[in-house]
Every structure is written in C-alpha cells, then in structure tokens.
Amino acid sequence: MIVDTNRIESLLERTHAPSTGDIKKILSKAEEAGGITLEETATLLNATGEADRALIRAAASEVKTKVFGKRVVLFAPLYLTNYCTNGCIYCGFRSSNTGVERKALTTEEIISEARSLEEKGFKRLLLVLGEDSRWPLSYIKDAVRAIYANTGIRIVHVNAPPMDTEELRELKSAGVGLFQVFQETYHRPTYEEVHPTGKKRDYDYRISVMDRALTAGFGDVGIGSLLGLYDWRFEVLATVAHSYHLYERFSAHAHTISIPRLKPATGSLMEDRTFTVTDDDMEQIVSIYRLSVPSAGVVATTRESAELRARLIECGASQVSAASRTDPGGYNPKDGAKEETLKQFTTSDERSLDEVMASIAKSGHIPSLCTACYRVGRVGEEFTQITTSGEMGHFCGANAILTLKEYLLDGRANGTAPVFNGSIDDALSEVKNEAVKEELKKKFKELKDGKRDIYF
C-alpha cells in the first residue's frame, strides 16, 4: 500500500496536543536536515500554539538554508490545452463546464508562448494540460521537442494525466525533466466525491503513477495535495508518506512537493464544501514539508498573494512561479480574439518575473533561473543524497549567482539592476571556498564575453 490512510488517521489522533518539549525534541533532530519519522511529522502537524508554530518555522528556515542555501528557483507554467473529459468539481476545466471557450495550442502557438516566456527571462517551463484523448502523448512530446528546437528554454517539465510505464518512458525520451501529478486528495471518500466522472476517478491508478514514472526512468517526480478538499493535516501527512514510500522503493524522495490551495474557478461546484486552510496554516504546511522531506523543492505558486509567498519563502519554500497564466495562449493573446480562454483557476500574484525576482533579492535571498541539475545528472537518488549530505547548497548558490549575472547581462532587468548586483555581491561574499570563488570570477568573464548557459 502506497499510503495507508488508516495509519495516517491513527497517527494524527495519537499525537494530538503535543507539548512544547515534544516539539523541541523533534526539531532538534529535524535541524540536522536528515528528515523525521511519519509519527514525528504528525506531532508537528498537531502543534496549534503560535509559540510552537514559530519554533517550527524557524527550524524549517534553518534547514532550507542548510540544504539549498538562500536561492529561490523561478519557473513558469505553460498551459497547452483546457480540454478535459474529467468531471472534477473544483476545476474550471471540468467536462460539464459548458458554454466557455476551449482551446488547444498548435505547435506554432506553443513555440510563441515559450518564446514570450524566454524573452521575460525564464529558462524553466512546466507544461500543463487536461485529460482528453484528442491531445495524446504524441502531442505532449511534439510540444516538448518544438520548445527545445525553437527556443532557448533549457528544461521542460510536464504536469499531465497519469500514464502507463511505457508511455512515461516515451515521454522521458523526449527530454522532459520532471513528471508531476497531484493526487489532489489522499482521502479516498473525498476523492470519489470530488471526481465523479472520467478516468481520473481511478484513485489507485493515479496514486501509483509516480512508481511507474520512476520505473520508466524519470529521476525526478513532483507530488502534492490540493489543500482545501479535506483536512489539511491529513493531506500533508499523506503527502509526506507518499514521498517516504518513493524513498523506500527507489532511494529518492519526491523532487518537488507543491502546495496548491483551492481557489475560485469558473463553474466550480465546491461552494461551501471546502476545508479552511488559513495563511498561518500555509506557513505551517511549508515548514513541515521542509522538515520532513528536506531534499524536496517546496513549490509556492501564484495562487497565493505576494505577501504570503514572501512569508512562505522565509519558512522553507524553495521554488516559485511568476507572471503565470492558467489559460492556453494567455501569454500571447491574439488581436481581435477574446482576451482569454477558460482558466483553470484564479491567480493572486500578478507581478512580473522581474518584480518577483527583485522582491526575493530584497528579502536577502537570491533569485535563481538555474537548470543545471537536470543537465549534469544530479537527479533522483543522487540528488537526494547530495542534498541530505549538505553539499547541494554549494552548487545552488554558485549557479544562482551565474544565472542572475546572465539575466543582467541580457538586459532583462527593468530598473532592478542595482538590486541584483547587490544580491550577487552579497552571495559572493558568502562563498567560503576560494577555489569556487575564483572559478565564479572566470565564469563571469565568459558570460561578459558572450558565452551563455554556464553552470557548475
């Protein structure tokens, strides 16, 4: 069994109302960045007092810095289609949501969208699409190959419906970096309720897809729960249990854990059926993911406000999206056409990539457009080992500096160059290894001489 829901419920009940002493003992262990047990995770999830939660946030911030340094990776989603044959009642793409415009991008439109994002400075894209046999695996593979062949995008990830092992092997062969699928909710009765029709109704096929992906050759997979469909404590503990299962079987944790929170969507049938997840809860969730699965990239998207995302970065989020559109063709609306097609959900942070990066830099972190790990094979088991050993931070810091320097030299900064130059200077001052510092200076010269895509 991938996730034992009875055990999840039992652990949450058994660890109810932990003492501050219990929490401090767990945090002392967690701060070593080696992870904690599922029972210890449940104990932290049951912490309700602000003082105890503050301790958890502080420990998570320390672990994030120990594992990844101060870098925060940026990416953008690119929606290929909003067609879907599933009936998920919380999603704008659900099949019964009629009377709204549907669209599937052509190859030319996909290239145009990717070029638009590249022009803004993005190097990493996440392709997203619904489940519809009219847009099969070949459509996704063609999109990936077209982006690589016609743009300077360096890595393409995919969020797509579950596939069988051979299909996933084909997808990997197209050059996809990470394969992402959210279980949405690990609570089976709720899952059946909110997925009344379509292939997505098969809980077991969906939850087992990450096993198939890793078997098929993907080193990196991304998981997550849609927070608000059920009790968030259950969902977080189940998500952690899912990552632990992957580690036990494949020696690699989930590469990313996303924290999407339920947002309004056109035609949604959720109404008052959601479980409340407050902003403070979101900080608790990010902190616990960071402590339980320290090697994971905890992903905060533009579903959340700029203010909350800044707080989430402070307590352990290490990847963020920026300038996101959740409708196909949203980055290049055509003249005379409707302003936008059907969105999957509403976004809250509407800032540009440059604005988000400047905010990250001003907070003392360093914005990163790095794609190096996928290019040099630091994935899967090796990535997990390097991060938990404390070595990944050296790569992350150096590569963040290089990508930010490249961003500046390419003239992407819009009045923010002083902020980014200061961020680079601060990051360089924290590089303790003199050999690395000298190598960075050499690479700076190569960048100034016109060379691009330089990394450690």
Protein backbone atom coordinates (compact mmCIF):
# COMPACT_ATOMS: atom_id res chain seq x y z
CA MET A 1 0.00 0.00 0.00
CA ILE A 2 1.47 3.33 -1.08
CA VAL A 3 -0.35 5.42 1.55
CA ASP A 4 -2.07 3.70 4.48
CA THR A 5 -4.92 6.10 5.27
CA ASN A 6 -5.87 4.24 8.45
CA ARG A 7 -2.34 4.72 9.72
CA ILE A 8 -2.44 8.42 8.80
CA GLU A 9 -5.61 8.93 10.81
CA SER A 10 -4.25 6.90 13.72
CA LEU A 11 -1.01 8.89 13.89
CA LEU A 12 -2.85 12.21 13.87
CA GLU A 13 -5.09 11.02 16.68
CA ARG A 14 -2.22 9.55 18.73
CA THR A 15 -0.10 12.72 18.56
CA HIS A 16 -2.91 15.11 19.47
CA ALA A 17 -1.97 18.14 21.61
CA PRO A 18 1.83 17.73 21.78
CA SER A 19 3.80 19.58 24.42
CA THR A 20 6.43 22.21 23.64
CA GLY A 21 9.01 19.75 24.93
CA ASP A 22 7.87 17.13 22.42
CA ILE A 23 8.13 19.67 19.61
CA LYS A 24 11.58 20.89 20.62
CA LYS A 25 12.88 17.34 20.74
CA ILE A 26 11.67 16.66 17.20
CA LEU A 27 13.03 19.96 15.91
CA SER A 28 16.45 19.21 17.38
CA LYS A 29 16.54 16.11 15.20
CA ALA A 30 14.99 17.82 12.15
CA GLU A 31 17.58 20.59 12.17
CA GLU A 32 20.19 18.02 11.14
CA ALA A 33 18.39 18.02 7.74
CA GLY A 34 18.09 14.25 7.66
CA GLY A 35 14.30 14.16 7.86
CA ILE A 36 11.98 12.90 10.58
CA THR A 37 9.59 9.98 11.01
CA LEU A 38 5.96 9.98 9.99
CA GLU A 39 4.90 9.99 13.64
CA GLU A 40 7.16 12.97 14.34
CA THR A 41 5.62 14.74 11.33
CA ALA A 42 2.16 14.08 12.74
CA THR A 43 3.24 15.57 16.07
CA LEU A 44 4.37 18.80 14.38
CA LEU A 45 1.12 18.94 12.40
CA ASN A 46 -0.79 18.95 15.68
CA ALA A 47 1.08 21.97 17.04
CA THR A 48 -1.51 24.74 17.41
CA GLY A 49 0.05 27.39 19.68
CA GLU A 50 1.71 30.33 17.97
CA ALA A 51 4.88 29.96 20.03
CA ASP A 52 5.26 26.32 19.00
CA ARG A 53 4.50 27.13 15.37
CA ALA A 54 7.13 29.87 15.45
CA LEU A 55 9.70 27.31 16.60
CA ILE A 56 8.74 25.07 13.69
CA ARG A 57 9.03 27.91 11.17
CA ALA A 58 12.46 28.89 12.49
CA ALA A 59 13.75 25.33 12.28
CA ALA A 60 12.41 24.96 8.73
CA SER A 61 14.12 28.16 7.65
CA GLU A 62 17.41 26.87 9.05
CA VAL A 63 17.02 23.54 7.24
CA LYS A 64 16.20 25.22 3.93
CA THR A 65 19.36 27.33 4.17
CA LYS A 66 21.42 24.31 5.15
CA VAL A 67 20.16 22.28 2.18
CA PHE A 68 19.74 24.81 -0.64
CA GLY A 69 21.37 27.98 0.64
CA LYS A 70 19.48 31.23 0.04
CA ARG A 71 18.50 30.54 -3.54
CA VAL A 72 14.89 30.51 -4.74
CA VAL A 73 14.23 28.93 -8.15
CA LEU A 74 11.74 30.51 -10.57
CA PHE A 75 9.67 28.91 -13.34
CA ALA A 76 6.50 29.49 -15.35
CA PRO A 77 3.59 27.20 -16.29
CA LEU A 78 2.60 26.93 -19.94
CA TYR A 79 -0.91 25.57 -20.47
CA LEU A 80 -1.21 23.56 -23.69
CA THR A 81 -4.97 22.87 -23.59
CA ASN A 82 -8.00 23.41 -21.37
CA TYR A 83 -9.90 20.47 -22.84
CA CYS A 84 -10.65 17.73 -20.31
CA THR A 85 -13.00 14.75 -20.10
CA ASN A 86 -12.88 14.55 -16.30
CA GLY A 87 -15.59 15.95 -14.05
CA CYS A 88 -13.51 17.28 -11.12
CA ILE A 89 -15.98 19.55 -9.35
CA TYR A 90 -13.32 22.04 -8.17
CA CYS A 91 -11.70 22.69 -11.57
CA GLY A 92 -12.55 25.19 -14.27
CA PHE A 93 -11.55 22.65 -16.93
CA ARG A 94 -14.17 20.05 -15.88
CA SER A 95 -16.01 18.49 -18.81
CA SER A 96 -19.50 19.63 -17.80
CA ASN A 97 -18.40 23.27 -17.68
CA THR A 98 -20.06 24.15 -20.99
CA GLY A 99 -20.58 27.48 -22.64
CA VAL A 100 -16.94 28.50 -22.16
CA GLU A 101 -14.17 28.77 -24.72
CA ARG A 102 -11.85 25.78 -25.04
CA LYS A 103 -8.51 25.82 -26.80
CA ALA A 104 -5.58 23.58 -27.66
CA LEU A 105 -2.41 25.30 -28.77
CA THR A 106 -0.89 24.50 -32.15
CA THR A 107 2.83 23.82 -32.42
CA GLU A 108 3.36 27.37 -33.65
CA GLU A 109 1.41 28.78 -30.71
CA ILE A 110 3.36 26.64 -28.24
CA ILE A 111 6.62 27.98 -29.64
CA SER A 112 5.26 31.54 -29.48
CA GLU A 113 4.22 31.11 -25.84
CA ALA A 114 7.61 29.63 -24.91
CA ARG A 115 9.47 32.41 -26.71
CA SER A 116 7.42 35.01 -24.86
CA LEU A 117 8.40 33.45 -21.53
CA GLU A 118 12.02 33.15 -22.62
CA GLU A 119 12.04 36.84 -23.53
CA LYS A 120 10.99 37.64 -19.96
CA GLY A 121 13.99 35.65 -18.70
CA PHE A 122 12.53 32.22 -17.90
CA LYS A 123 14.65 29.16 -18.59
CA ARG A 124 12.41 26.53 -16.96
CA LEU A 125 8.83 25.76 -18.05
CA LEU A 126 6.13 23.45 -16.74
CA LEU A 127 3.74 22.24 -19.45
CA VAL A 128 0.19 21.65 -18.17
CA LEU A 129 -2.83 20.02 -19.82
CA GLY A 130 -6.06 18.26 -19.02
CA GLU A 131 -7.06 14.70 -19.87
CA ASP A 132 -8.50 14.30 -23.36
CA SER A 133 -7.69 11.58 -25.91
CA ARG A 134 -7.68 14.18 -28.68
CA TRP A 135 -4.43 15.52 -27.20
CA PRO A 136 -2.41 12.33 -26.61
CA LEU A 137 1.15 11.57 -25.61
CA SER A 138 2.41 12.40 -29.10
CA TYR A 139 1.03 15.94 -28.71
CA ILE A 140 2.99 16.45 -25.49
CA LYS A 141 6.19 15.00 -26.95
CA ASP A 142 5.89 17.21 -30.03
CA ALA A 143 5.40 20.25 -27.79
CA VAL A 144 8.50 19.45 -25.74
CA ARG A 145 10.66 18.88 -28.80
CA ALA A 146 9.37 22.02 -30.52
CA ILE A 147 10.26 24.15 -27.49
CA TYR A 148 13.79 22.75 -27.30
CA ALA A 149 14.34 23.09 -31.05
CA ASN A 150 12.99 26.62 -31.44
CA THR A 151 13.71 28.47 -28.19
CA GLY A 152 16.40 28.93 -25.59
CA ILE A 153 14.34 27.24 -22.87
CA ARG A 154 16.71 24.85 -21.09
CA ILE A 155 14.42 22.44 -19.27
CA VAL A 156 10.80 21.45 -19.74
CA HIS A 157 8.78 19.73 -17.02
CA VAL A 158 5.33 18.23 -17.55
CA ASN A 159 2.17 18.14 -15.44
CA ALA A 160 -0.07 15.69 -17.28
CA PRO A 161 -2.61 12.95 -16.57
CA PRO A 162 -1.23 9.60 -15.34
CA MET A 163 0.20 7.25 -17.96
CA ASP A 164 1.39 3.68 -18.08
CA THR A 165 5.07 2.81 -17.76
CA GLU A 166 5.81 2.56 -21.48
CA GLU A 167 4.13 5.91 -22.20
CA LEU A 168 6.17 7.51 -19.43
CA ARG A 169 9.32 6.03 -20.90
CA GLU A 170 8.44 7.65 -24.23
CA LEU A 171 7.77 10.98 -22.53
CA LYS A 172 11.12 10.85 -20.77
CA SER A 173 12.86 10.16 -24.07
CA ALA A 174 11.53 13.48 -25.41
CA GLY A 175 13.73 15.28 -22.88
CA VAL A 176 11.28 16.01 -20.08
CA GLY A 177 12.97 16.81 -16.78
CA LEU A 178 10.33 16.24 -14.12
CA PHE A 179 6.94 14.50 -14.30
CA GLN A 180 4.33 15.96 -12.00
CA VAL A 181 0.93 14.64 -10.92
CA PHE A 182 -1.05 15.77 -7.88
CA GLN A 183 -3.17 13.21 -6.07
CA GLU A 184 -5.45 16.19 -5.22
CA THR A 185 -6.71 14.41 -2.08
CA TYR A 186 -5.38 11.25 -0.46
CA HIS A 187 -8.65 10.78 1.43
CA ARG A 188 -10.40 8.13 -0.66
CA PRO A 189 -14.05 9.00 0.19
CA THR A 190 -13.38 12.67 -0.62
CA TYR A 191 -11.50 11.68 -3.77
CA GLU A 192 -14.51 9.73 -5.02
CA GLU A 193 -16.84 12.60 -4.17
CA VAL A 194 -14.92 15.33 -6.00
CA HIS A 195 -14.05 13.14 -9.03
CA PRO A 196 -17.49 11.85 -10.04
CA THR A 197 -16.72 11.13 -13.72
CA GLY A 198 -13.82 10.48 -16.07
CA LYS A 199 -10.64 8.40 -15.97
CA LYS A 200 -9.37 10.47 -13.06
CA ARG A 201 -11.94 8.72 -10.84
CA ASP A 202 -9.49 5.80 -10.51
CA TYR A 203 -7.72 6.63 -7.22
CA ASP A 204 -5.32 3.69 -7.35
CA TYR A 205 -4.15 4.31 -10.92
CA ARG A 206 -3.41 7.92 -10.04
CA ILE A 207 -1.55 7.31 -6.77
CA SER A 208 0.66 4.64 -8.37
CA VAL A 209 1.80 6.80 -11.30
CA MET A 210 4.95 8.02 -9.53
CA ASP A 211 6.11 4.44 -9.09
CA ARG A 212 5.62 3.94 -12.82
CA ALA A 213 7.41 7.21 -13.65
CA LEU A 214 10.48 6.31 -11.60
CA THR A 215 10.45 2.79 -13.07
CA ALA A 216 10.28 4.35 -16.55
CA GLY A 217 13.46 6.35 -15.99
CA PHE A 218 12.32 9.65 -14.57
CA GLY A 219 14.77 10.63 -11.87
CA ASP A 220 12.53 13.41 -10.61
CA VAL A 221 8.81 13.45 -9.88
CA GLY A 222 6.53 16.04 -8.32
CA ILE A 223 3.61 15.42 -5.97
CA GLY A 224 1.13 17.45 -3.94
CA SER A 225 -2.34 17.79 -2.45
CA LEU A 226 -4.97 20.36 -3.36
CA LEU A 227 -5.32 21.98 0.04
CA GLY A 228 -8.92 22.64 0.99
CA LEU A 229 -10.56 19.49 -0.33
CA TYR A 230 -10.14 17.74 3.02
CA ASP A 231 -8.45 18.24 6.41
CA TRP A 232 -5.05 19.71 5.56
CA ARG A 233 -3.30 17.83 8.37
CA PHE A 234 -4.38 14.52 6.83
CA GLU A 235 -3.34 15.65 3.36
CA VAL A 236 0.11 16.84 4.43
CA LEU A 237 0.86 13.68 6.39
CA ALA A 238 -0.33 11.53 3.48
CA THR A 239 1.80 13.51 1.01
CA VAL A 240 4.85 13.01 3.22
CA ALA A 241 4.00 9.31 3.48
CA HIS A 242 3.87 9.15 -0.32
CA SER A 243 7.37 10.64 -0.56
CA TYR A 244 8.61 8.21 2.10
CA HIS A 245 7.20 5.34 0.04
CA LEU A 246 9.13 6.55 -3.02
CA TYR A 247 12.30 6.78 -0.97
CA GLU A 248 11.87 3.29 0.43
CA ARG A 249 11.36 1.81 -3.04
CA PHE A 250 13.59 4.00 -5.23
CA SER A 251 16.00 5.69 -2.75
CA ALA A 252 14.73 9.07 -3.96
CA HIS A 253 12.17 11.36 -2.38
CA ALA A 254 9.71 13.35 -4.43
CA HIS A 255 11.80 16.03 -6.11
CA THR A 256 9.09 18.65 -5.60
CA ILE A 257 6.13 18.97 -3.27
CA SER A 258 3.63 21.60 -4.31
CA ILE A 259 1.19 23.39 -2.03
CA PRO A 260 -1.75 24.41 -4.24
CA ARG A 261 -4.61 25.83 -2.18
CA LEU A 262 -8.16 25.66 -3.55
CA LYS A 263 -9.00 28.86 -5.44
CA PRO A 264 -12.14 30.06 -7.24
CA ALA A 265 -12.63 28.59 -10.71
CA THR A 266 -15.27 29.30 -13.34
CA GLY A 267 -18.09 26.79 -12.92
CA SER A 268 -16.72 25.27 -9.72
CA LEU A 269 -19.23 23.24 -7.71
CA MET A 270 -17.34 23.41 -4.42
CA GLU A 271 -19.21 26.35 -2.86
CA ASP A 272 -19.10 25.88 0.94
CA ARG A 273 -17.73 22.35 0.85
CA THR A 274 -14.11 23.36 1.37
CA PHE A 275 -11.98 22.78 4.45
CA THR A 276 -10.45 26.02 5.71
CA VAL A 277 -6.71 26.48 5.22
CA THR A 278 -5.54 29.81 6.64
CA ASP A 279 -2.40 31.74 5.69
CA ASP A 280 -0.88 30.73 9.02
CA ASP A 281 -1.71 27.11 8.19
CA MET A 282 0.09 27.53 4.88
CA GLU A 283 3.25 28.57 6.73
CA GLN A 284 2.88 25.52 8.95
CA ILE A 285 2.44 23.28 5.91
CA VAL A 286 5.53 24.59 4.12
CA SER A 287 7.60 24.33 7.30
CA ILE A 288 6.61 20.73 7.89
CA TYR A 289 7.28 19.68 4.32
CA ARG A 290 10.73 21.26 4.61
CA LEU A 291 11.50 19.43 7.86
CA SER A 292 10.04 16.07 6.80
CA VAL A 293 11.43 15.95 3.25
CA PRO A 294 14.41 18.35 3.35
CA SER A 295 15.61 17.45 -0.15
CA ALA A 296 12.32 18.40 -1.82
CA GLY A 297 11.71 21.63 -3.67
CA VAL A 298 8.67 23.07 -1.89
CA VAL A 299 6.73 24.97 -4.55
CA ALA A 300 4.60 28.09 -3.92
CA THR A 301 2.66 29.30 -6.97
CA THR A 302 0.86 32.48 -7.95
CA ARG A 303 -2.33 31.08 -6.46
CA GLU A 304 -1.10 32.87 -3.34
CA SER A 305 -0.57 36.59 -2.75
CA ALA A 306 2.79 38.30 -2.98
CA GLU A 307 2.74 38.91 0.77
CA LEU A 308 2.06 35.30 1.68
CA ARG A 309 4.59 33.95 -0.80
CA ALA A 310 7.27 36.09 0.84
CA ARG A 311 6.35 34.52 4.18
CA LEU A 312 6.41 31.03 2.67
CA ILE A 313 9.92 31.58 1.29
CA GLU A 314 11.09 32.58 4.76
CA CYS A 315 9.86 29.30 6.25
CA GLY A 316 11.12 26.92 3.60
CA ALA A 317 9.59 27.31 0.13
CA SER A 318 12.40 27.00 -2.41
CA GLN A 319 10.64 27.27 -5.78
CA VAL A 320 8.08 29.81 -7.02
CA SER A 321 6.27 30.52 -10.25
CA ALA A 322 5.93 34.05 -11.59
CA ALA A 323 3.87 36.03 -14.12
CA SER A 324 1.65 32.95 -14.54
CA ARG A 325 -1.30 32.49 -16.87
CA THR A 326 -3.54 29.44 -16.42
CA ASP A 327 -5.25 29.64 -19.81
CA PRO A 328 -3.80 28.31 -23.10
CA GLY A 329 -2.38 31.17 -25.14
CA GLY A 330 -2.51 33.53 -22.18
CA TYR A 331 0.98 34.88 -22.72
CA ASN A 332 0.23 35.97 -26.30
CA PRO A 333 -3.47 36.88 -26.70
CA LYS A 334 -4.18 37.47 -30.37
CA ASP A 335 -5.50 40.81 -31.62
CA GLY A 336 -9.24 40.69 -32.11
CA ALA A 337 -9.64 37.46 -30.18
CA LYS A 338 -11.21 37.08 -26.80
CA GLU A 339 -8.97 38.42 -24.09
CA GLU A 340 -8.59 34.96 -22.58
CA THR A 341 -9.90 31.43 -22.77
CA LEU A 342 -11.07 29.36 -19.83
CA LYS A 343 -8.66 29.49 -16.87
CA GLN A 344 -8.09 26.53 -14.61
CA PHE A 345 -8.21 28.76 -11.52
CA THR A 346 -7.66 32.36 -10.48
CA THR A 347 -4.23 33.70 -9.53
CA SER A 348 -3.39 36.21 -6.79
CA ASP A 349 0.17 37.35 -7.50
CA GLU A 350 0.15 39.23 -10.80
CA ARG A 351 3.70 40.62 -10.64
CA SER A 352 6.18 40.25 -13.49
CA LEU A 353 9.16 37.90 -13.28
CA ASP A 354 11.45 40.89 -12.74
CA GLU A 355 9.30 42.18 -9.87
CA VAL A 356 9.19 38.78 -8.18
CA MET A 357 12.95 38.34 -8.56
CA ALA A 358 13.61 41.82 -7.12
CA SER A 359 11.38 41.07 -4.15
CA ILE A 360 13.31 37.85 -3.50
CA ALA A 361 16.63 39.69 -3.71
CA LYS A 362 15.48 42.48 -1.40
CA SER A 363 14.48 39.89 1.21
CA GLY A 364 18.05 38.60 1.42
CA HIS A 365 17.56 35.57 -0.81
CA ILE A 366 18.97 35.12 -4.30
CA PRO A 367 16.65 34.51 -7.29
CA SER A 368 17.79 31.58 -9.42
CA LEU A 369 16.99 30.60 -13.01
CA CYS A 370 19.19 27.53 -12.75
CA THR A 371 18.53 24.32 -14.70
CA ALA A 372 21.90 22.66 -14.09
CA CYS A 373 20.97 19.56 -12.11
CA TYR A 374 18.92 18.07 -14.95
CA ARG A 375 21.77 18.67 -17.39
CA VAL A 376 24.51 17.01 -15.34
CA GLY A 377 22.53 14.13 -13.88
CA ARG A 378 22.02 15.37 -10.32
CA VAL A 379 18.58 13.76 -10.15
CA GLY A 380 16.77 11.03 -8.29
CA GLU A 381 18.80 9.07 -5.77
CA GLU A 382 21.95 11.12 -6.39
CA PHE A 383 20.09 14.40 -5.84
CA THR A 384 18.57 13.11 -2.60
CA GLN A 385 21.97 12.00 -1.33
CA ILE A 386 23.71 15.27 -2.24
CA THR A 387 21.04 17.43 -0.62
CA THR A 388 20.83 15.45 2.60
CA SER A 389 24.64 15.46 2.86
CA GLY A 390 24.65 19.28 2.78
CA GLU A 391 26.59 19.52 -0.48
CA MET A 392 23.81 20.80 -2.73
CA GLY A 393 23.89 24.30 -1.29
CA HIS A 394 27.33 24.88 -2.84
CA PHE A 395 26.01 24.11 -6.34
CA CYS A 396 22.79 26.02 -5.78
CA GLY A 397 24.45 29.19 -4.57
CA ALA A 398 27.05 29.30 -7.34
CA ASN A 399 24.55 28.52 -10.10
CA ALA A 400 22.08 31.09 -8.78
CA ILE A 401 24.80 33.73 -8.99
CA LEU A 402 25.64 32.75 -12.57
CA THR A 403 22.03 32.76 -13.79
CA LEU A 404 21.37 36.12 -12.17
CA LYS A 405 24.50 37.55 -13.79
CA GLU A 406 23.36 36.22 -17.17
CA TYR A 407 19.91 37.75 -16.61
CA LEU A 408 21.55 41.13 -16.02
CA LEU A 409 23.91 40.91 -18.99
CA ASP A 410 21.00 40.04 -21.27
CA GLY A 411 19.28 43.27 -20.27
CA ARG A 412 16.27 41.60 -18.63
CA ALA A 413 16.29 43.78 -15.52
CA ASN A 414 13.82 46.65 -15.67
CA GLY A 415 15.33 49.22 -13.32
CA THR A 416 16.27 46.49 -10.86
CA ALA A 417 19.93 46.03 -11.82
CA PRO A 418 21.26 47.69 -8.63
CA VAL A 419 19.20 45.29 -6.51
CA PHE A 420 20.50 42.27 -8.40
CA ASN A 421 24.11 43.46 -8.40
CA GLY A 422 23.85 43.86 -4.64
CA SER A 423 22.39 40.36 -4.37
CA ILE A 424 25.28 38.93 -6.38
CA ASP A 425 27.85 40.78 -4.25
CA ASP A 426 26.23 39.51 -1.05
CA ALA A 427 26.13 35.95 -2.37
CA LEU A 428 29.76 36.09 -3.46
CA SER A 429 30.82 37.30 -0.02
CA GLU A 430 29.25 34.19 1.47
CA VAL A 431 31.16 31.77 -0.77
CA LYS A 432 33.78 30.39 1.61
CA ASN A 433 35.57 28.11 -0.82
CA GLU A 434 38.22 30.25 -2.52
CA ALA A 435 38.58 27.86 -5.44
CA VAL A 436 34.85 28.15 -6.15
CA LYS A 437 35.03 31.93 -5.83
CA GLU A 438 37.88 32.09 -8.36
CA GLU A 439 36.02 29.79 -10.72
CA LEU A 440 32.96 32.04 -10.47
CA LYS A 441 35.05 35.04 -11.47
CA LYS A 442 36.33 33.14 -14.52
CA LYS A 443 32.80 32.21 -15.47
CA PHE A 444 31.73 35.85 -15.06
CA LYS A 445 34.31 36.77 -17.69
CA GLU A 446 32.98 34.08 -20.01
CA LEU A 447 29.47 35.48 -19.59
CA LYS A 448 30.68 39.01 -20.35
CA ASP A 449 32.43 37.63 -23.45
CA GLY A 450 29.10 36.31 -24.71
CA LYS A 451 29.06 32.71 -23.55
CA ARG A 452 25.77 31.54 -22.03
CA ASP A 453 24.34 28.62 -20.08
CA ILE A 454 27.32 28.28 -17.75
CA TYR A 455 26.96 26.24 -14.59
CA PHE A 456 28.65 24.04 -12.01
